[in-house]
Amino acid sequence: MMQVSLPSEYRRPSLALGLKPVFADTLRVKEGGPLRHIFFDIGHNQPIAFLEPHDGRDVPAEFDAGINRGLGVPAGFYHFAFEAGSPAALAR
């Protein structure tokens, strides 16, 4: 997933979703500048990753990071869903 700006110290995904960051790095793209890349543990040894363009000379300061509009489909058409197994498992 792409983010316009990752939260300071990656707090927003961690706090809002209860996710723990497990790995972060910076990808250097010659044509567009660095990308911050962070993986969060979503359980059962499965990660979800976010990318943030950082000071990329060819990346606008503000952009729509969603996939739906670019593909011309309704909002929410492409989304993420996770199976927790039960309400009790979701609470863990």
N, C-alpha and C. Protein backbone atom coordinates (compact mmCIF):
# COMPACT_ATOMS: atom_id res chain seq x y z
N MET A 1 0.85 -1.17 0.00
CA MET A 1 0.00 0.00 0.00
C MET A 1 0.89 1.23 0.00
N MET A 2 0.40 2.26 -0.60
CA MET A 2 1.15 3.50 -0.68
C MET A 2 0.54 4.51 0.28
N GLN A 3 1.37 5.25 0.94
CA GLN A 3 0.96 6.33 1.83
C GLN A 3 1.58 7.61 1.31
N VAL A 4 0.86 8.72 1.41
CA VAL A 4 1.44 10.00 1.07
C VAL A 4 2.52 10.33 2.08
N SER A 5 2.25 10.07 3.34
CA SER A 5 3.23 10.34 4.38
C SER A 5 3.03 9.34 5.52
N LEU A 6 4.05 8.58 5.83
CA LEU A 6 3.95 7.67 6.96
C LEU A 6 3.95 8.47 8.24
N PRO A 7 3.24 8.01 9.23
CA PRO A 7 3.17 8.74 10.49
C PRO A 7 4.51 8.77 11.21
N SER A 8 4.68 9.80 12.03
CA SER A 8 5.89 9.92 12.81
C SER A 8 6.08 8.66 13.65
N GLU A 9 7.25 8.06 13.53
CA GLU A 9 7.58 6.84 14.27
C GLU A 9 6.57 5.72 13.99
N TYR A 10 5.86 5.82 12.86
CA TYR A 10 4.91 4.77 12.45
C TYR A 10 3.82 4.56 13.48
N ARG A 11 3.44 5.59 14.23
CA ARG A 11 2.48 5.43 15.31
C ARG A 11 1.05 5.21 14.84
N ARG A 12 0.62 5.90 13.80
CA ARG A 12 -0.79 5.82 13.43
C ARG A 12 -1.23 4.39 13.11
N PRO A 13 -0.60 3.64 12.18
CA PRO A 13 -1.04 2.26 11.97
C PRO A 13 -0.89 1.41 13.22
N SER A 14 0.17 1.64 13.98
CA SER A 14 0.39 0.85 15.18
C SER A 14 -0.72 1.05 16.19
N LEU A 15 -1.11 2.30 16.43
CA LEU A 15 -2.13 2.59 17.43
C LEU A 15 -3.53 2.29 16.91
N ALA A 16 -3.83 2.71 15.70
CA ALA A 16 -5.19 2.55 15.19
C ALA A 16 -5.55 1.09 14.96
N LEU A 17 -4.61 0.29 14.50
CA LEU A 17 -4.90 -1.09 14.16
C LEU A 17 -4.26 -2.10 15.12
N GLY A 18 -3.48 -1.61 16.07
CA GLY A 18 -2.82 -2.52 16.98
C GLY A 18 -1.70 -3.32 16.33
N LEU A 19 -1.12 -2.79 15.27
CA LEU A 19 -0.07 -3.50 14.54
C LEU A 19 1.30 -3.16 15.09
N LYS A 20 2.18 -4.14 15.08
CA LYS A 20 3.55 -3.92 15.53
C LYS A 20 4.48 -3.88 14.33
N PRO A 21 5.31 -2.81 14.20
CA PRO A 21 6.28 -2.79 13.11
C PRO A 21 7.32 -3.88 13.33
N VAL A 22 7.66 -4.60 12.27
CA VAL A 22 8.63 -5.68 12.39
C VAL A 22 9.87 -5.46 11.52
N PHE A 23 9.77 -4.62 10.51
CA PHE A 23 10.92 -4.38 9.64
C PHE A 23 10.70 -3.08 8.90
N ALA A 24 11.75 -2.30 8.75
CA ALA A 24 11.68 -1.07 7.98
C ALA A 24 13.00 -0.88 7.25
N ASP A 25 12.89 -0.34 6.05
CA ASP A 25 14.09 -0.01 5.29
C ASP A 25 13.77 1.15 4.36
N THR A 26 14.78 1.60 3.66
CA THR A 26 14.61 2.66 2.68
C THR A 26 15.08 2.12 1.34
N LEU A 27 14.20 2.19 0.36
CA LEU A 27 14.55 1.76 -0.99
C LEU A 27 15.03 2.97 -1.76
N ARG A 28 16.13 2.86 -2.43
CA ARG A 28 16.67 3.97 -3.22
C ARG A 28 16.33 3.74 -4.69
N VAL A 29 15.52 4.63 -5.25
CA VAL A 29 15.10 4.53 -6.63
C VAL A 29 15.77 5.65 -7.41
N LYS A 30 16.63 5.29 -8.33
CA LYS A 30 17.42 6.29 -9.05
C LYS A 30 16.53 7.33 -9.74
N GLU A 31 15.42 6.89 -10.34
CA GLU A 31 14.57 7.80 -11.09
C GLU A 31 13.64 8.64 -10.22
N GLY A 32 13.42 8.25 -8.96
CA GLY A 32 12.40 8.95 -8.20
C GLY A 32 12.73 9.27 -6.77
N GLY A 33 13.91 8.93 -6.31
CA GLY A 33 14.26 9.22 -4.92
C GLY A 33 13.95 8.08 -3.99
N PRO A 34 14.17 8.28 -2.69
CA PRO A 34 14.00 7.19 -1.72
C PRO A 34 12.53 6.90 -1.39
N LEU A 35 12.27 5.65 -1.04
CA LEU A 35 10.96 5.21 -0.57
C LEU A 35 11.14 4.60 0.80
N ARG A 36 10.40 5.08 1.78
CA ARG A 36 10.40 4.43 3.09
C ARG A 36 9.47 3.23 2.99
N HIS A 37 9.91 2.11 3.54
CA HIS A 37 9.20 0.84 3.40
C HIS A 37 9.12 0.21 4.78
N ILE A 38 7.91 -0.03 5.28
CA ILE A 38 7.76 -0.61 6.61
C ILE A 38 6.75 -1.75 6.57
N PHE A 39 7.08 -2.82 7.29
CA PHE A 39 6.23 -4.00 7.39
C PHE A 39 5.67 -4.08 8.81
N PHE A 40 4.37 -4.39 8.90
CA PHE A 40 3.70 -4.59 10.18
C PHE A 40 3.24 -6.03 10.27
N ASP A 41 3.30 -6.60 11.46
CA ASP A 41 2.83 -7.97 11.70
C ASP A 41 1.31 -7.93 11.85
N ILE A 42 0.59 -8.68 10.99
CA ILE A 42 -0.87 -8.74 11.10
C ILE A 42 -1.31 -10.09 11.68
N GLY A 43 -0.35 -10.86 12.20
CA GLY A 43 -0.66 -12.14 12.84
C GLY A 43 -0.39 -13.32 11.94
N HIS A 44 -0.21 -14.46 12.56
CA HIS A 44 0.03 -15.72 11.85
C HIS A 44 1.21 -15.61 10.87
N ASN A 45 2.26 -14.88 11.27
CA ASN A 45 3.46 -14.69 10.46
C ASN A 45 3.17 -14.04 9.11
N GLN A 46 2.15 -13.19 9.06
CA GLN A 46 1.78 -12.50 7.83
C GLN A 46 2.05 -11.00 7.99
N PRO A 47 2.75 -10.38 7.03
CA PRO A 47 2.99 -8.95 7.11
C PRO A 47 2.08 -8.17 6.16
N ILE A 48 1.95 -6.88 6.45
CA ILE A 48 1.38 -5.92 5.51
C ILE A 48 2.41 -4.80 5.43
N ALA A 49 2.64 -4.30 4.23
CA ALA A 49 3.69 -3.30 4.05
C ALA A 49 3.11 -1.98 3.53
N PHE A 50 3.76 -0.89 3.90
CA PHE A 50 3.42 0.44 3.43
C PHE A 50 4.66 1.07 2.81
N LEU A 51 4.46 1.84 1.77
CA LEU A 51 5.53 2.61 1.12
C LEU A 51 5.21 4.09 1.24
N GLU A 52 6.24 4.88 1.43
CA GLU A 52 6.08 6.34 1.44
C GLU A 52 7.17 6.94 0.57
N PRO A 53 6.79 7.66 -0.51
CA PRO A 53 7.82 8.38 -1.26
C PRO A 53 8.35 9.51 -0.39
N HIS A 54 9.64 9.68 -0.37
CA HIS A 54 10.25 10.67 0.52
C HIS A 54 11.21 11.53 -0.28
N ASP A 55 10.85 12.79 -0.46
CA ASP A 55 11.67 13.75 -1.20
C ASP A 55 11.95 13.29 -2.63
N GLY A 56 10.99 12.58 -3.23
CA GLY A 56 11.17 12.16 -4.61
C GLY A 56 10.95 13.31 -5.56
N ARG A 57 11.88 13.56 -6.43
CA ARG A 57 11.79 14.73 -7.30
C ARG A 57 10.65 14.62 -8.31
N ASP A 58 10.22 13.40 -8.65
CA ASP A 58 9.14 13.22 -9.62
C ASP A 58 7.82 12.84 -8.96
N VAL A 59 7.74 12.93 -7.64
CA VAL A 59 6.52 12.58 -6.92
C VAL A 59 5.90 13.85 -6.36
N PRO A 60 4.62 14.11 -6.72
CA PRO A 60 3.98 15.33 -6.19
C PRO A 60 3.86 15.27 -4.67
N ALA A 61 3.84 16.44 -4.03
CA ALA A 61 3.73 16.50 -2.56
C ALA A 61 2.42 15.90 -2.08
N GLU A 62 1.35 16.06 -2.82
CA GLU A 62 0.04 15.51 -2.47
C GLU A 62 -0.46 14.69 -3.66
N PHE A 63 -1.01 13.52 -3.38
CA PHE A 63 -1.60 12.69 -4.43
C PHE A 63 -2.57 11.72 -3.81
N ASP A 64 -3.47 11.19 -4.63
CA ASP A 64 -4.44 10.20 -4.18
C ASP A 64 -3.73 8.85 -4.13
N ALA A 65 -3.53 8.33 -2.93
CA ALA A 65 -2.81 7.06 -2.77
C ALA A 65 -3.72 5.84 -2.96
N GLY A 66 -5.01 6.07 -3.18
CA GLY A 66 -5.93 4.95 -3.37
C GLY A 66 -5.84 4.38 -4.77
N ILE A 67 -6.14 3.10 -4.89
CA ILE A 67 -6.09 2.43 -6.18
C ILE A 67 -7.41 2.58 -6.96
N ASN A 68 -8.52 2.76 -6.26
CA ASN A 68 -9.83 2.74 -6.90
C ASN A 68 -10.03 3.84 -7.93
N ARG A 69 -9.74 5.07 -7.58
CA ARG A 69 -9.95 6.18 -8.51
C ARG A 69 -9.10 6.02 -9.77
N GLY A 70 -7.85 5.63 -9.59
CA GLY A 70 -6.97 5.44 -10.74
C GLY A 70 -7.45 4.36 -11.69
N LEU A 71 -8.15 3.36 -11.16
CA LEU A 71 -8.68 2.29 -11.99
C LEU A 71 -10.09 2.60 -12.49
N GLY A 72 -10.66 3.70 -12.02
CA GLY A 72 -11.99 4.08 -12.47
C GLY A 72 -13.12 3.23 -11.90
N VAL A 73 -12.90 2.69 -10.69
CA VAL A 73 -13.95 1.89 -10.05
C VAL A 73 -14.43 2.62 -8.80
N PRO A 74 -15.62 2.24 -8.27
CA PRO A 74 -16.15 2.93 -7.09
C PRO A 74 -15.23 2.79 -5.87
N ALA A 75 -15.32 3.80 -4.99
CA ALA A 75 -14.56 3.76 -3.74
C ALA A 75 -14.90 2.48 -2.98
N GLY A 76 -13.90 1.85 -2.41
CA GLY A 76 -14.11 0.63 -1.65
C GLY A 76 -14.15 -0.63 -2.49
N PHE A 77 -14.09 -0.49 -3.82
CA PHE A 77 -14.14 -1.65 -4.70
C PHE A 77 -12.97 -2.59 -4.40
N TYR A 78 -11.76 -2.03 -4.36
CA TYR A 78 -10.59 -2.80 -3.94
C TYR A 78 -10.30 -2.41 -2.50
N HIS A 79 -10.21 -3.38 -1.62
CA HIS A 79 -9.98 -3.12 -0.21
C HIS A 79 -9.30 -4.33 0.41
N PHE A 80 -8.98 -4.23 1.65
CA PHE A 80 -8.32 -5.31 2.38
C PHE A 80 -9.25 -5.84 3.44
N ALA A 81 -9.29 -7.14 3.59
CA ALA A 81 -10.08 -7.78 4.64
C ALA A 81 -9.22 -8.89 5.24
N PHE A 82 -9.36 -9.09 6.53
CA PHE A 82 -8.54 -10.09 7.21
C PHE A 82 -9.44 -11.02 8.00
N GLU A 83 -9.12 -12.29 7.98
CA GLU A 83 -9.87 -13.30 8.72
C GLU A 83 -9.25 -13.47 10.10
N ALA A 84 -10.03 -13.26 11.13
CA ALA A 84 -9.54 -13.42 12.50
C ALA A 84 -9.97 -14.75 13.10
N GLY A 85 -10.97 -15.41 12.53
CA GLY A 85 -11.42 -16.67 13.05
C GLY A 85 -12.62 -16.56 13.96
N SER A 86 -12.61 -15.57 14.85
CA SER A 86 -13.72 -15.38 15.78
C SER A 86 -13.58 -14.00 16.42
N PRO A 87 -14.66 -13.49 17.02
CA PRO A 87 -14.54 -12.21 17.73
C PRO A 87 -13.48 -12.25 18.82
N ALA A 88 -13.35 -13.40 19.50
CA ALA A 88 -12.33 -13.51 20.57
C ALA A 88 -10.93 -13.42 19.97
N ALA A 89 -10.72 -14.06 18.84
CA ALA A 89 -9.40 -14.01 18.19
C ALA A 89 -9.10 -12.60 17.71
N LEU A 90 -10.12 -11.90 17.22
CA LEU A 90 -9.94 -10.53 16.79
C LEU A 90 -9.53 -9.64 17.95
N ALA A 91 -10.09 -9.88 19.12
CA ALA A 91 -9.75 -9.09 20.31
C ALA A 91 -8.31 -9.31 20.75
N ARG A 92 -7.73 -10.47 20.41
CA ARG A 92 -6.33 -10.73 20.78
C ARG A 92 -5.47 -9.96 19.85
